[in-house]
């Protein structure tokens, strides 16, 4: 009988601890409001992860990691579309395109990115099916869960802090006007430049994240850093209507406001 539950009652950290300690073999399916992720284990070791919202094929993973270019990916798909991931991996190694370590490194990072994203989920349902594993032609990697659980827990704390700072990803960004300043003089990472290149009041933070294939944690971390550095500010996206409550606020009475300010000044002077 499959283990089922709700993430409000049983967190990802608790699930992974159970799978690790009980040395479980099988596949964990986690379904959130808008996405589904599958994570497979063999005797308590992580071996595979796949998100329904992403192409987890070997070609896509290698392209995303920068191991091959988009042009190379198109050529490989054209001439080897009938190959499984294992067959394709051997083909790339034998052809001298990549080393075995290149492929394993890219796949390991994809697995980690996928499972770390799960730690940020607080709403959804899960199901663990014992002894259900990926097809034999899938490339799997054995990874210990202890370090993954520790890093995932740390990221949960970071996620909660960033969510408080940036609760709404449907807002946009704009550059802060700083006379004489040039953003090109600032030392930014590759990921930060990818975000900066799409900053425009027409683009929401969520759209920028989707375009750059970044998780909500990654985009929040980068945007928060840019805000703290005084490079960007959060703005209402072009075309977004003001909230109803904002339109209902009465107009400011300038005379009354001036009178109030003067009274405050007089009060301060008398202290």
C-alpha atoms as a PDB file:
ATOM      1  CA  UNK A   1       0.000   0.000   0.000  1.00  0.00           C
ATOM      2  CA  UNK A   2       1.384   3.416  -1.026  1.00  0.00           C
ATOM      3  CA  UNK A   3       2.225   6.025   1.625  1.00  0.00           C
ATOM      4  CA  UNK A   4       0.062   9.118   1.068  1.00  0.00           C
ATOM      5  CA  UNK A   5      -0.266  12.449   2.827  1.00  0.00           C
ATOM      6  CA  UNK A   6      -0.383  16.231   2.778  1.00  0.00           C
ATOM      7  CA  UNK A   7       2.616  18.561   2.954  1.00  0.00           C
ATOM      8  CA  UNK A   8       0.848  20.608   5.621  1.00  0.00           C
ATOM      9  CA  UNK A   9       1.084  17.583   7.921  1.00  0.00           C
ATOM     10  CA  UNK A  10       4.324  16.002   6.717  1.00  0.00           C
ATOM     11  CA  UNK A  11       7.143  18.169   5.335  1.00  0.00           C
ATOM     12  CA  UNK A  12       9.658  17.274   2.621  1.00  0.00           C
ATOM     13  CA  UNK A  13      12.374  17.183   5.279  1.00  0.00           C
ATOM     14  CA  UNK A  14      10.416  14.618   7.293  1.00  0.00           C
ATOM     15  CA  UNK A  15       9.699  12.541   4.182  1.00  0.00           C
ATOM     16  CA  UNK A  16      13.346  12.420   3.143  1.00  0.00           C
ATOM     17  CA  UNK A  17      14.414  11.550   6.697  1.00  0.00           C
ATOM     18  CA  UNK A  18      11.961   8.646   6.704  1.00  0.00           C
ATOM     19  CA  UNK A  19      13.160   7.390   3.295  1.00  0.00           C
ATOM     20  CA  UNK A  20      16.780   7.729   4.374  1.00  0.00           C
ATOM     21  CA  UNK A  21      16.470   6.019   7.771  1.00  0.00           C
ATOM     22  CA  UNK A  22      14.223   3.222   6.472  1.00  0.00           C
ATOM     23  CA  UNK A  23      16.451   2.780   3.377  1.00  0.00           C
ATOM     24  CA  UNK A  24      13.388   2.868   1.156  1.00  0.00           C
ATOM     25  CA  UNK A  25      13.356   1.994  -2.547  1.00  0.00           C
ATOM     26  CA  UNK A  26      10.704   3.558  -4.732  1.00  0.00           C
ATOM     27  CA  UNK A  27       9.388   6.815  -6.159  1.00  0.00           C
ATOM     28  CA  UNK A  28       7.988   9.809  -4.290  1.00  0.00           C
ATOM     29  CA  UNK A  29       5.418  11.830  -6.241  1.00  0.00           C
ATOM     30  CA  UNK A  30       4.779  15.340  -4.920  1.00  0.00           C
ATOM     31  CA  UNK A  31       1.922  17.323  -6.462  1.00  0.00           C
ATOM     32  CA  UNK A  32       1.575  21.046  -5.779  1.00  0.00           C
ATOM     33  CA  UNK A  33      -1.071  23.515  -6.988  1.00  0.00           C
ATOM     34  CA  UNK A  34       0.682  24.057 -10.345  1.00  0.00           C
ATOM     35  CA  UNK A  35       3.360  21.386 -10.691  1.00  0.00           C
ATOM     36  CA  UNK A  36       4.320  17.777 -10.105  1.00  0.00           C
ATOM     37  CA  UNK A  37       7.747  16.347  -9.243  1.00  0.00           C
ATOM     38  CA  UNK A  38       8.912  12.744  -9.101  1.00  0.00           C
ATOM     39  CA  UNK A  39      11.895  11.692  -6.978  1.00  0.00           C
ATOM     40  CA  UNK A  40      13.252   8.135  -6.978  1.00  0.00           C
ATOM     41  CA  UNK A  41      15.361   6.338  -4.381  1.00  0.00           C
ATOM     42  CA  UNK A  42      17.251   3.071  -4.113  1.00  0.00           C
ATOM     43  CA  UNK A  43      17.897   1.787  -0.584  1.00  0.00           C
ATOM     44  CA  UNK A  44      17.571   5.306   0.820  1.00  0.00           C
ATOM     45  CA  UNK A  45      19.830   6.945  -1.791  1.00  0.00           C
ATOM     46  CA  UNK A  46      18.597   9.616  -4.188  1.00  0.00           C
ATOM     47  CA  UNK A  47      18.978   8.356  -7.767  1.00  0.00           C
ATOM     48  CA  UNK A  48      16.631  10.413  -9.962  1.00  0.00           C
ATOM     49  CA  UNK A  49      14.370  13.497  -9.978  1.00  0.00           C
ATOM     50  CA  UNK A  50      12.104  14.999 -12.617  1.00  0.00           C
ATOM     51  CA  UNK A  51       9.745  17.979 -12.687  1.00  0.00           C
ATOM     52  CA  UNK A  52       6.695  17.862 -14.954  1.00  0.00           C
ATOM     53  CA  UNK A  53       7.259  21.525 -15.833  1.00  0.00           C
ATOM     54  CA  UNK A  54      10.745  20.900 -17.225  1.00  0.00           C
ATOM     55  CA  UNK A  55      12.356  18.814 -19.934  1.00  0.00           C
ATOM     56  CA  UNK A  56      14.545  16.471 -17.933  1.00  0.00           C
ATOM     57  CA  UNK A  57      16.068  14.738 -20.938  1.00  0.00           C
ATOM     58  CA  UNK A  58      19.858  14.416 -21.075  1.00  0.00           C
ATOM     59  CA  UNK A  59      20.116  16.903 -23.966  1.00  0.00           C
ATOM     60  CA  UNK A  60      18.079  19.514 -22.073  1.00  0.00           C
ATOM     61  CA  UNK A  61      20.101  19.023 -18.866  1.00  0.00           C
ATOM     62  CA  UNK A  62      23.414  19.344 -20.736  1.00  0.00           C
ATOM     63  CA  UNK A  63      22.218  22.483 -22.523  1.00  0.00           C
ATOM     64  CA  UNK A  64      20.974  24.051 -19.304  1.00  0.00           C
ATOM     65  CA  UNK A  65      24.304  23.378 -17.598  1.00  0.00           C
ATOM     66  CA  UNK A  66      26.268  24.903 -20.479  1.00  0.00           C
ATOM     67  CA  UNK A  67      27.973  21.617 -21.387  1.00  0.00           C
ATOM     68  CA  UNK A  68      26.659  21.893 -24.957  1.00  0.00           C
ATOM     69  CA  UNK A  69      25.332  24.837 -26.987  1.00  0.00           C
ATOM     70  CA  UNK A  70      21.821  25.232 -28.349  1.00  0.00           C
ATOM     71  CA  UNK A  71      23.185  24.603 -31.842  1.00  0.00           C
ATOM     72  CA  UNK A  72      24.846  21.370 -30.738  1.00  0.00           C
ATOM     73  CA  UNK A  73      21.638  20.308 -28.989  1.00  0.00           C
ATOM     74  CA  UNK A  74      19.621  20.795 -32.203  1.00  0.00           C
ATOM     75  CA  UNK A  75      22.138  18.752 -34.211  1.00  0.00           C
ATOM     76  CA  UNK A  76      22.157  15.937 -31.656  1.00  0.00           C
ATOM     77  CA  UNK A  77      18.343  15.823 -31.555  1.00  0.00           C
ATOM     78  CA  UNK A  78      18.246  15.732 -35.341  1.00  0.00           C
ATOM     79  CA  UNK A  79      20.657  12.813 -35.702  1.00  0.00           C
ATOM     80  CA  UNK A  80      19.984  10.872 -32.493  1.00  0.00           C
ATOM     81  CA  UNK A  81      16.323  11.441 -31.665  1.00  0.00           C
ATOM     82  CA  UNK A  82      15.725   7.678 -31.345  1.00  0.00           C
ATOM     83  CA  UNK A  83      18.425   7.175 -28.704  1.00  0.00           C
ATOM     84  CA  UNK A  84      17.733   6.702 -25.004  1.00  0.00           C
ATOM     85  CA  UNK A  85      19.595   8.880 -22.502  1.00  0.00           C
ATOM     86  CA  UNK A  86      22.046   6.049 -21.749  1.00  0.00           C
ATOM     87  CA  UNK A  87      22.716   5.425 -25.433  1.00  0.00           C
ATOM     88  CA  UNK A  88      23.062   9.144 -26.093  1.00  0.00           C
ATOM     89  CA  UNK A  89      25.470   9.570 -23.198  1.00  0.00           C
ATOM     90  CA  UNK A  90      27.736   6.816 -24.522  1.00  0.00           C
ATOM     91  CA  UNK A  91      27.514   8.304 -28.011  1.00  0.00           C
ATOM     92  CA  UNK A  92      28.626  11.734 -26.788  1.00  0.00           C
ATOM     93  CA  UNK A  93      31.511  10.262 -24.785  1.00  0.00           C
ATOM     94  CA  UNK A  94      32.737   8.043 -27.646  1.00  0.00           C
ATOM     95  CA  UNK A  95      32.474  10.941 -30.109  1.00  0.00           C
ATOM     96  CA  UNK A  96      34.636  13.093 -27.853  1.00  0.00           C
ATOM     97  CA  UNK A  97      31.904  15.702 -27.259  1.00  0.00           C
ATOM     98  CA  UNK A  98      31.946  15.229 -23.481  1.00  0.00           C
ATOM     99  CA  UNK A  99      33.545  13.163 -20.743  1.00  0.00           C
ATOM    100  CA  UNK A 100      31.656  10.868 -18.426  1.00  0.00           C
ATOM    101  CA  UNK A 101      32.364  13.327 -15.608  1.00  0.00           C
ATOM    102  CA  UNK A 102      30.810  16.189 -17.630  1.00  0.00           C
ATOM    103  CA  UNK A 103      27.575  14.247 -17.966  1.00  0.00           C
ATOM    104  CA  UNK A 104      27.467  13.103 -14.335  1.00  0.00           C
ATOM    105  CA  UNK A 105      28.182  16.614 -13.048  1.00  0.00           C
ATOM    106  CA  UNK A 106      25.329  18.118 -15.117  1.00  0.00           C
ATOM    107  CA  UNK A 107      22.870  15.411 -14.051  1.00  0.00           C
ATOM    108  CA  UNK A 108      23.875  15.692 -10.377  1.00  0.00           C
ATOM    109  CA  UNK A 109      23.259  19.443 -10.410  1.00  0.00           C
ATOM    110  CA  UNK A 110      19.868  18.968 -12.090  1.00  0.00           C
ATOM    111  CA  UNK A 111      18.863  16.432  -9.433  1.00  0.00           C
ATOM    112  CA  UNK A 112      19.896  18.783  -6.643  1.00  0.00           C
ATOM    113  CA  UNK A 113      18.140  21.793  -8.189  1.00  0.00           C
ATOM    114  CA  UNK A 114      14.946  19.773  -8.554  1.00  0.00           C
ATOM    115  CA  UNK A 115      14.889  18.378  -5.028  1.00  0.00           C
ATOM    116  CA  UNK A 116      15.954  21.666  -3.385  1.00  0.00           C
ATOM    117  CA  UNK A 117      12.988  23.327  -5.081  1.00  0.00           C
ATOM    118  CA  UNK A 118      10.749  20.802  -3.298  1.00  0.00           C
ATOM    119  CA  UNK A 119      11.906  22.072   0.088  1.00  0.00           C
ATOM    120  CA  UNK A 120      10.158  25.394  -0.633  1.00  0.00           C
ATOM    121  CA  UNK A 121       6.786  23.690  -1.152  1.00  0.00           C
ATOM    122  CA  UNK A 122       4.365  24.065   1.754  1.00  0.00           C
ATOM    123  CA  UNK A 123       1.149  23.159  -0.046  1.00  0.00           C
ATOM    124  CA  UNK A 124       0.497  19.913  -1.888  1.00  0.00           C
ATOM    125  CA  UNK A 125       0.028  16.157  -1.566  1.00  0.00           C
ATOM    126  CA  UNK A 126       2.508  13.295  -1.785  1.00  0.00           C
ATOM    127  CA  UNK A 127       2.525   9.588  -2.537  1.00  0.00           C
ATOM    128  CA  UNK A 128       5.377   7.095  -2.105  1.00  0.00           C
ATOM    129  CA  UNK A 129       5.204   3.960  -4.258  1.00  0.00           C
ATOM    130  CA  UNK A 130       7.603   1.271  -3.052  1.00  0.00           C
ATOM    131  CA  UNK A 131       9.820  -0.463  -5.624  1.00  0.00           C
ATOM    132  CA  UNK A 132       8.640   1.815  -8.465  1.00  0.00           C
ATOM    133  CA  UNK A 133      11.770   3.068 -10.274  1.00  0.00           C
ATOM    134  CA  UNK A 134      12.607   4.965 -13.498  1.00  0.00           C
ATOM    135  CA  UNK A 135      12.925   2.979 -16.752  1.00  0.00           C
ATOM    136  CA  UNK A 136      16.186   1.053 -17.250  1.00  0.00           C
ATOM    137  CA  UNK A 137      17.331   3.407 -20.053  1.00  0.00           C
ATOM    138  CA  UNK A 138      17.332   6.349 -17.611  1.00  0.00           C
ATOM    139  CA  UNK A 139      20.698   7.489 -16.262  1.00  0.00           C
ATOM    140  CA  UNK A 140      20.619   7.410 -12.450  1.00  0.00           C
ATOM    141  CA  UNK A 141      23.099   8.705  -9.862  1.00  0.00           C
ATOM    142  CA  UNK A 142      23.348   7.520  -6.252  1.00  0.00           C
ATOM    143  CA  UNK A 143      23.508  10.410  -3.761  1.00  0.00           C
ATOM    144  CA  UNK A 144      23.412  10.357   0.050  1.00  0.00           C
ATOM    145  CA  UNK A 145      20.440  12.163   1.567  1.00  0.00           C
ATOM    146  CA  UNK A 146      22.064  13.464   4.772  1.00  0.00           C
ATOM    147  CA  UNK A 147      23.807  16.458   3.174  1.00  0.00           C
ATOM    148  CA  UNK A 148      20.822  17.131   0.914  1.00  0.00           C
ATOM    149  CA  UNK A 149      18.501  17.299   3.928  1.00  0.00           C
ATOM    150  CA  UNK A 150      20.865  19.666   5.782  1.00  0.00           C
ATOM    151  CA  UNK A 151      21.252  21.986   2.788  1.00  0.00           C
ATOM    152  CA  UNK A 152      17.521  21.829   2.035  1.00  0.00           C
ATOM    153  CA  UNK A 153      16.676  22.805   5.625  1.00  0.00           C
ATOM    154  CA  UNK A 154      19.056  25.779   5.385  1.00  0.00           C
ATOM    155  CA  UNK A 155      17.367  26.832   2.156  1.00  0.00           C
ATOM    156  CA  UNK A 156      13.935  26.633   3.796  1.00  0.00           C
ATOM    157  CA  UNK A 157      15.028  29.262   6.323  1.00  0.00           C
ATOM    158  CA  UNK A 158      16.434  31.434   3.545  1.00  0.00           C
ATOM    159  CA  UNK A 159      13.249  30.934   1.517  1.00  0.00           C
ATOM    160  CA  UNK A 160      11.044  32.070   4.403  1.00  0.00           C
ATOM    161  CA  UNK A 161      13.131  35.230   4.886  1.00  0.00           C
ATOM    162  CA  UNK A 162      13.158  36.069   1.168  1.00  0.00           C
ATOM    163  CA  UNK A 163       9.434  35.407   0.898  1.00  0.00           C
ATOM    164  CA  UNK A 164       8.838  38.015   3.584  1.00  0.00           C
ATOM    165  CA  UNK A 165      11.027  40.522   1.728  1.00  0.00           C
ATOM    166  CA  UNK A 166       9.594  39.732  -1.727  1.00  0.00           C
ATOM    167  CA  UNK A 167       6.122  38.255  -1.248  1.00  0.00           C
ATOM    168  CA  UNK A 168       4.759  39.122  -4.712  1.00  0.00           C
ATOM    169  CA  UNK A 169       6.613  37.986  -7.824  1.00  0.00           C
ATOM    170  CA  UNK A 170       3.971  39.559 -10.046  1.00  0.00           C
ATOM    171  CA  UNK A 171       5.583  42.953  -9.485  1.00  0.00           C
ATOM    172  CA  UNK A 172       8.193  44.387 -11.870  1.00  0.00           C
ATOM    173  CA  UNK A 173      11.623  45.973 -11.469  1.00  0.00           C
ATOM    174  CA  UNK A 174      13.169  49.207 -12.631  1.00  0.00           C
ATOM    175  CA  UNK A 175      16.657  50.629 -12.350  1.00  0.00           C
ATOM    176  CA  UNK A 176      17.202  53.212  -9.640  1.00  0.00           C
ATOM    177  CA  UNK A 177      18.190  56.601 -11.088  1.00  0.00           C
ATOM    178  CA  UNK A 178      21.722  57.323  -9.901  1.00  0.00           C
ATOM    179  CA  UNK A 179      23.428  60.231 -11.675  1.00  0.00           C
ATOM    180  CA  UNK A 180      26.844  59.287 -13.037  1.00  0.00           C
ATOM    181  CA  UNK A 181      26.444  55.618 -12.115  1.00  0.00           C
ATOM    182  CA  UNK A 182      26.831  52.837 -14.670  1.00  0.00           C
ATOM    183  CA  UNK A 183      25.626  49.334 -13.864  1.00  0.00           C
ATOM    184  CA  UNK A 184      28.357  47.941 -16.121  1.00  0.00           C
ATOM    185  CA  UNK A 185      30.874  49.064 -13.518  1.00  0.00           C
ATOM    186  CA  UNK A 186      29.273  46.743 -10.936  1.00  0.00           C
ATOM    187  CA  UNK A 187      30.672  43.230 -10.537  1.00  0.00           C
ATOM    188  CA  UNK A 188      27.694  40.939 -11.174  1.00  0.00           C
ATOM    189  CA  UNK A 189      27.566  37.170 -11.572  1.00  0.00           C
ATOM    190  CA  UNK A 190      26.422  35.538 -14.806  1.00  0.00           C
ATOM    191  CA  UNK A 191      23.036  34.776 -13.233  1.00  0.00           C
ATOM    192  CA  UNK A 192      22.632  38.378 -12.045  1.00  0.00           C
ATOM    193  CA  UNK A 193      23.417  39.702 -15.535  1.00  0.00           C
ATOM    194  CA  UNK A 194      20.791  37.353 -16.982  1.00  0.00           C
ATOM    195  CA  UNK A 195      18.212  38.908 -14.656  1.00  0.00           C
ATOM    196  CA  UNK A 196      19.431  42.471 -15.229  1.00  0.00           C
ATOM    197  CA  UNK A 197      19.111  42.098 -18.998  1.00  0.00           C
ATOM    198  CA  UNK A 198      15.330  41.608 -18.647  1.00  0.00           C
ATOM    199  CA  UNK A 199      14.646  44.365 -16.105  1.00  0.00           C
ATOM    200  CA  UNK A 200      11.839  46.515 -17.466  1.00  0.00           C
ATOM    201  CA  UNK A 201       8.517  47.716 -15.999  1.00  0.00           C
ATOM    202  CA  UNK A 202       6.824  45.540 -18.637  1.00  0.00           C
ATOM    203  CA  UNK A 203       8.373  42.324 -17.269  1.00  0.00           C
ATOM    204  CA  UNK A 204       7.267  40.865 -13.951  1.00  0.00           C
ATOM    205  CA  UNK A 205       9.764  39.145 -11.668  1.00  0.00           C
ATOM    206  CA  UNK A 206       7.943  35.862 -12.300  1.00  0.00           C
ATOM    207  CA  UNK A 207       8.315  36.286 -16.072  1.00  0.00           C
ATOM    208  CA  UNK A 208      12.039  37.015 -15.707  1.00  0.00           C
ATOM    209  CA  UNK A 209      12.452  33.851 -13.623  1.00  0.00           C
ATOM    210  CA  UNK A 210      10.567  31.737 -16.168  1.00  0.00           C
ATOM    211  CA  UNK A 211      12.593  33.133 -19.100  1.00  0.00           C
ATOM    212  CA  UNK A 212      15.864  32.354 -17.310  1.00  0.00           C
ATOM    213  CA  UNK A 213      14.626  28.981 -16.010  1.00  0.00           C
ATOM    214  CA  UNK A 214      15.215  30.035 -12.414  1.00  0.00           C
ATOM    215  CA  UNK A 215      13.426  28.735  -9.340  1.00  0.00           C
ATOM    216  CA  UNK A 216      11.499  31.098  -7.062  1.00  0.00           C
ATOM    217  CA  UNK A 217      14.316  30.837  -4.520  1.00  0.00           C
ATOM    218  CA  UNK A 218      16.970  31.747  -7.105  1.00  0.00           C
ATOM    219  CA  UNK A 219      15.092  34.752  -8.504  1.00  0.00           C
ATOM    220  CA  UNK A 220      14.213  36.037  -5.027  1.00  0.00           C
ATOM    221  CA  UNK A 221      17.834  35.727  -3.895  1.00  0.00           C
ATOM    222  CA  UNK A 222      19.135  37.659  -6.913  1.00  0.00           C
ATOM    223  CA  UNK A 223      16.455  40.367  -6.854  1.00  0.00           C
ATOM    224  CA  UNK A 224      16.897  40.882  -3.111  1.00  0.00           C
ATOM    225  CA  UNK A 225      20.642  41.345  -3.629  1.00  0.00           C
ATOM    226  CA  UNK A 226      20.079  43.881  -6.415  1.00  0.00           C
ATOM    227  CA  UNK A 227      17.618  45.808  -4.241  1.00  0.00           C
ATOM    228  CA  UNK A 228      19.975  45.848  -1.248  1.00  0.00           C
ATOM    229  CA  UNK A 229      22.768  47.110  -3.515  1.00  0.00           C
ATOM    230  CA  UNK A 230      20.532  50.036  -4.489  1.00  0.00           C
ATOM    231  CA  UNK A 231      20.559  49.058  -8.171  1.00  0.00           C
ATOM    232  CA  UNK A 232      16.848  48.330  -8.686  1.00  0.00           C
ATOM    233  CA  UNK A 233      13.486  49.037  -7.116  1.00  0.00           C
ATOM    234  CA  UNK A 234      10.145  47.246  -7.179  1.00  0.00           C
ATOM    235  CA  UNK A 235       7.495  48.924  -9.321  1.00  0.00           C
ATOM    236  CA  UNK A 236       3.977  48.180 -10.483  1.00  0.00           C
ATOM    237  CA  UNK A 237       4.086  46.514 -13.910  1.00  0.00           C
ATOM    238  CA  UNK A 238       2.923  48.591 -16.877  1.00  0.00           C
ATOM    239  CA  UNK A 239      -0.800  48.120 -17.327  1.00  0.00           C
ATOM    240  CA  UNK A 240      -1.453  46.672 -13.880  1.00  0.00           C
ATOM    241  CA  UNK A 241      -4.513  48.400 -12.382  1.00  0.00           C
ATOM    242  CA  UNK A 242      -4.288  49.973  -8.954  1.00  0.00           C
ATOM    243  CA  UNK A 243      -5.995  48.005  -6.147  1.00  0.00           C
ATOM    244  CA  UNK A 244      -9.622  48.978  -5.514  1.00  0.00           C
ATOM    245  CA  UNK A 245      -8.836  50.136  -2.012  1.00  0.00           C
ATOM    246  CA  UNK A 246      -6.208  52.509  -3.395  1.00  0.00           C
ATOM    247  CA  UNK A 247      -8.758  54.219  -5.647  1.00  0.00           C
ATOM    248  CA  UNK A 248     -11.141  54.587  -2.708  1.00  0.00           C
ATOM    249  CA  UNK A 249      -8.734  56.674  -0.612  1.00  0.00           C
ATOM    250  CA  UNK A 250      -9.973  60.285  -0.244  1.00  0.00           C
ATOM    251  CA  UNK A 251      -7.875  63.057  -1.822  1.00  0.00           C
ATOM    252  CA  UNK A 252      -5.352  64.753   0.436  1.00  0.00           C
ATOM    253  CA  UNK A 253      -6.512  68.083   1.904  1.00  0.00           C
ATOM    254  CA  UNK A 254      -3.364  70.207   1.416  1.00  0.00           C
ATOM    255  CA  UNK A 255      -4.472  72.927   3.880  1.00  0.00           C
ATOM    256  CA  UNK A 256      -5.248  70.376   6.550  1.00  0.00           C
ATOM    257  CA  UNK A 257      -1.939  68.585   5.885  1.00  0.00           C
ATOM    258  CA  UNK A 258       0.031  71.860   6.169  1.00  0.00           C
ATOM    259  CA  UNK A 259      -1.763  72.740   9.399  1.00  0.00           C
ATOM    260  CA  UNK A 260      -0.949  69.319  10.870  1.00  0.00           C
ATOM    261  CA  UNK A 261       2.736  69.633   9.941  1.00  0.00           C
ATOM    262  CA  UNK A 262       2.930  73.105  11.512  1.00  0.00           C
ATOM    263  CA  UNK A 263       1.369  71.821  14.731  1.00  0.00           C
ATOM    264  CA  UNK A 264       3.888  68.966  14.855  1.00  0.00           C
ATOM    265  CA  UNK A 265       6.773  71.419  14.363  1.00  0.00           C
ATOM    266  CA  UNK A 266       5.443  73.654  17.151  1.00  0.00           C
ATOM    267  CA  UNK A 267       5.084  70.636  19.397  1.00  0.00           C
ATOM    268  CA  UNK A 268       8.690  69.525  18.749  1.00  0.00           C
ATOM    269  CA  UNK A 269      10.025  73.052  19.460  1.00  0.00           C
ATOM    270  CA  UNK A 270       8.227  73.154  22.778  1.00  0.00           C
ATOM    271  CA  UNK A 271       9.854  69.903  23.995  1.00  0.00           C
END
